[in-house]
Amino acid sequence: MSIVKNIFIVDDDDIFVFLTKRMIKATSRDIKIVEFTDGEQVLEFLKTNIDNLELLPDIMFLDISMPVMDGWGFLKAYTPLAPSVKKNIAIYIVSSSISPHDMEKARQFKIVTDFLIKPLAKEKFISILDRV
């Protein structure tokens, strides 16, 4: 188990982002949280900082329904890039979707750690932080 230093929240839902940040901060861990509102923003950040391990996330919470580039588009674009990233990023899809189709689609991406259904409880965040 390693220490989680950076978490990326990739979601255009201001309420989810606000609540997620509060729950992570409530775990009393020293974690930097970076927000992105679409997949294209985070993809460009990762490409630009691919060799800077201190800036890369340990965990990414990725929504699948966003403007510009949704979560699926991000996963398709990031998959070929992932092997060149020198940090293992745990990518959690977070969605209000309970569609079995979406869950199955997420399993098709080997880079996805898990599919989580919103809203998430503080205990779930603690479990994820302890696991990574």
Protein backbone atom coordinates (compact mmCIF):
# COMPACT_ATOMS: atom_id res chain seq x y z
CA MET A 1 0.00 0.00 0.00
CA SER A 2 1.37 3.41 -0.99
CA ILE A 3 0.48 6.84 0.29
CA VAL A 4 -2.08 8.69 -1.83
CA LYS A 5 -0.81 12.20 -2.57
CA ASN A 6 -2.85 13.36 -5.57
CA ILE A 7 -6.46 12.77 -6.55
CA PHE A 8 -8.03 14.01 -9.77
CA ILE A 9 -11.79 14.55 -9.91
CA VAL A 10 -12.96 14.67 -13.52
CA ASP A 11 -16.60 15.68 -13.40
CA ASP A 12 -18.73 18.63 -14.51
CA ASP A 13 -21.18 18.25 -11.61
CA ASP A 14 -20.26 21.02 -9.14
CA ILE A 15 -22.23 19.43 -6.31
CA PHE A 16 -20.52 16.04 -6.71
CA VAL A 17 -17.10 17.72 -6.88
CA PHE A 18 -17.81 19.81 -3.77
CA LEU A 19 -19.09 16.85 -1.75
CA THR A 20 -16.28 14.57 -2.92
CA LYS A 21 -13.64 17.10 -1.90
CA ARG A 22 -15.27 17.50 1.52
CA MET A 23 -15.37 13.75 2.10
CA ILE A 24 -11.75 13.27 1.04
CA LYS A 25 -10.63 16.15 3.26
CA ALA A 26 -12.64 14.67 6.14
CA THR A 27 -10.37 11.62 6.05
CA SER A 28 -7.69 13.91 7.57
CA ARG A 29 -5.10 12.91 5.01
CA ASP A 30 -2.76 15.32 3.27
CA ILE A 31 -4.03 14.89 -0.28
CA LYS A 32 -3.93 17.37 -3.14
CA ILE A 33 -7.18 17.40 -5.11
CA VAL A 34 -7.21 18.67 -8.70
CA GLU A 35 -10.48 19.22 -10.58
CA PHE A 36 -11.22 18.93 -14.30
CA THR A 37 -14.63 19.44 -15.93
CA ASP A 38 -14.09 17.22 -18.97
CA GLY A 39 -11.94 14.40 -20.29
CA GLU A 40 -10.04 16.55 -22.77
CA GLN A 41 -8.68 18.79 -20.00
CA VAL A 42 -7.32 15.90 -17.97
CA LEU A 43 -5.97 14.12 -21.06
CA GLU A 44 -3.99 17.24 -22.06
CA PHE A 45 -2.71 17.61 -18.49
CA LEU A 46 -1.53 13.99 -18.44
CA LYS A 47 0.18 14.31 -21.83
CA THR A 48 1.94 17.51 -20.78
CA ASN A 49 3.07 16.10 -17.42
CA ILE A 50 3.64 12.46 -18.40
CA ASP A 51 7.16 12.42 -16.89
CA ASN A 52 6.38 14.44 -13.76
CA LEU A 53 5.35 11.79 -11.25
CA GLU A 54 4.73 14.37 -8.51
CA LEU A 55 1.94 15.99 -10.57
CA LEU A 56 0.29 12.78 -11.77
CA PRO A 57 -2.64 11.42 -9.78
CA ASP A 58 -2.61 8.30 -7.67
CA ILE A 59 -6.38 8.08 -8.03
CA MET A 60 -8.74 9.51 -10.63
CA PHE A 61 -12.50 9.72 -10.18
CA LEU A 62 -13.89 9.93 -13.72
CA ASP A 63 -17.48 10.72 -14.66
CA ILE A 64 -18.73 9.21 -17.91
CA SER A 65 -21.22 11.93 -18.83
CA MET A 66 -19.49 15.27 -19.46
CA PRO A 67 -19.36 17.89 -22.21
CA VAL A 68 -16.48 18.26 -24.71
CA MET A 69 -14.97 14.79 -24.06
CA ASP A 70 -16.91 12.35 -21.91
CA GLY A 71 -15.39 9.62 -19.78
CA TRP A 72 -15.64 7.02 -22.54
CA GLY A 73 -13.78 9.33 -24.94
CA PHE A 74 -11.10 9.90 -22.32
CA LEU A 75 -10.66 6.17 -21.72
CA LYS A 76 -10.35 5.49 -25.47
CA ALA A 77 -7.76 8.26 -25.87
CA TYR A 78 -5.83 7.43 -22.68
CA THR A 79 -5.62 3.64 -23.15
CA PRO A 80 -2.78 3.75 -25.73
CA LEU A 81 -0.98 6.41 -23.65
CA ALA A 82 -1.24 4.54 -20.33
CA PRO A 83 1.75 2.18 -20.87
CA SER A 84 4.08 5.18 -21.25
CA VAL A 85 2.89 6.74 -17.97
CA LYS A 86 5.39 5.80 -15.28
CA LYS A 87 2.81 5.87 -12.51
CA ASN A 88 0.02 3.41 -11.92
CA ILE A 89 -3.15 5.53 -11.80
CA ALA A 90 -6.19 3.92 -10.21
CA ILE A 91 -9.10 5.08 -12.37
CA TYR A 92 -12.55 4.83 -10.81
CA ILE A 93 -15.55 5.58 -12.97
CA VAL A 94 -18.12 7.44 -10.91
CA SER A 95 -21.57 7.69 -12.42
CA SER A 96 -25.19 7.99 -11.49
CA SER A 97 -25.84 5.35 -14.17
CA ILE A 98 -26.95 1.96 -12.93
CA SER A 99 -27.01 0.60 -16.47
CA PRO A 100 -25.52 -2.90 -16.77
CA HIS A 101 -24.40 -1.83 -20.26
CA ASP A 102 -22.27 0.98 -18.79
CA MET A 103 -20.82 -1.34 -16.15
CA GLU A 104 -19.94 -3.93 -18.77
CA LYS A 105 -18.45 -1.26 -21.05
CA ALA A 106 -16.24 -0.10 -18.17
CA ARG A 107 -14.95 -3.65 -17.67
CA GLN A 108 -13.72 -3.62 -21.28
CA PHE A 109 -11.08 -1.06 -20.30
CA LYS A 110 -8.22 -2.75 -18.44
CA ILE A 111 -7.14 0.66 -17.09
CA VAL A 112 -10.38 1.04 -15.10
CA THR A 113 -10.08 -0.06 -11.48
CA ASP A 114 -13.79 -0.05 -10.63
CA PHE A 115 -17.22 1.37 -11.50
CA LEU A 116 -18.80 3.30 -8.63
CA ILE A 117 -22.36 4.56 -8.47
CA LYS A 118 -23.02 8.07 -7.15
CA PRO A 119 -23.44 9.18 -4.46
CA LEU A 120 -20.47 7.74 -2.60
CA ALA A 121 -20.27 7.47 1.16
CA LYS A 122 -17.26 8.68 3.16
CA GLU A 123 -16.55 5.05 4.08
CA LYS A 124 -16.16 4.21 0.39
CA PHE A 125 -13.54 6.95 -0.03
CA ILE A 126 -11.67 5.69 3.03
CA SER A 127 -11.76 2.16 1.63
CA ILE A 128 -10.38 3.34 -1.71
CA LEU A 129 -7.63 5.41 -0.08
CA ASP A 130 -6.63 2.45 2.08
CA ARG A 131 -6.60 0.08 -0.92
CA VAL A 132 -4.47 2.13 -3.31
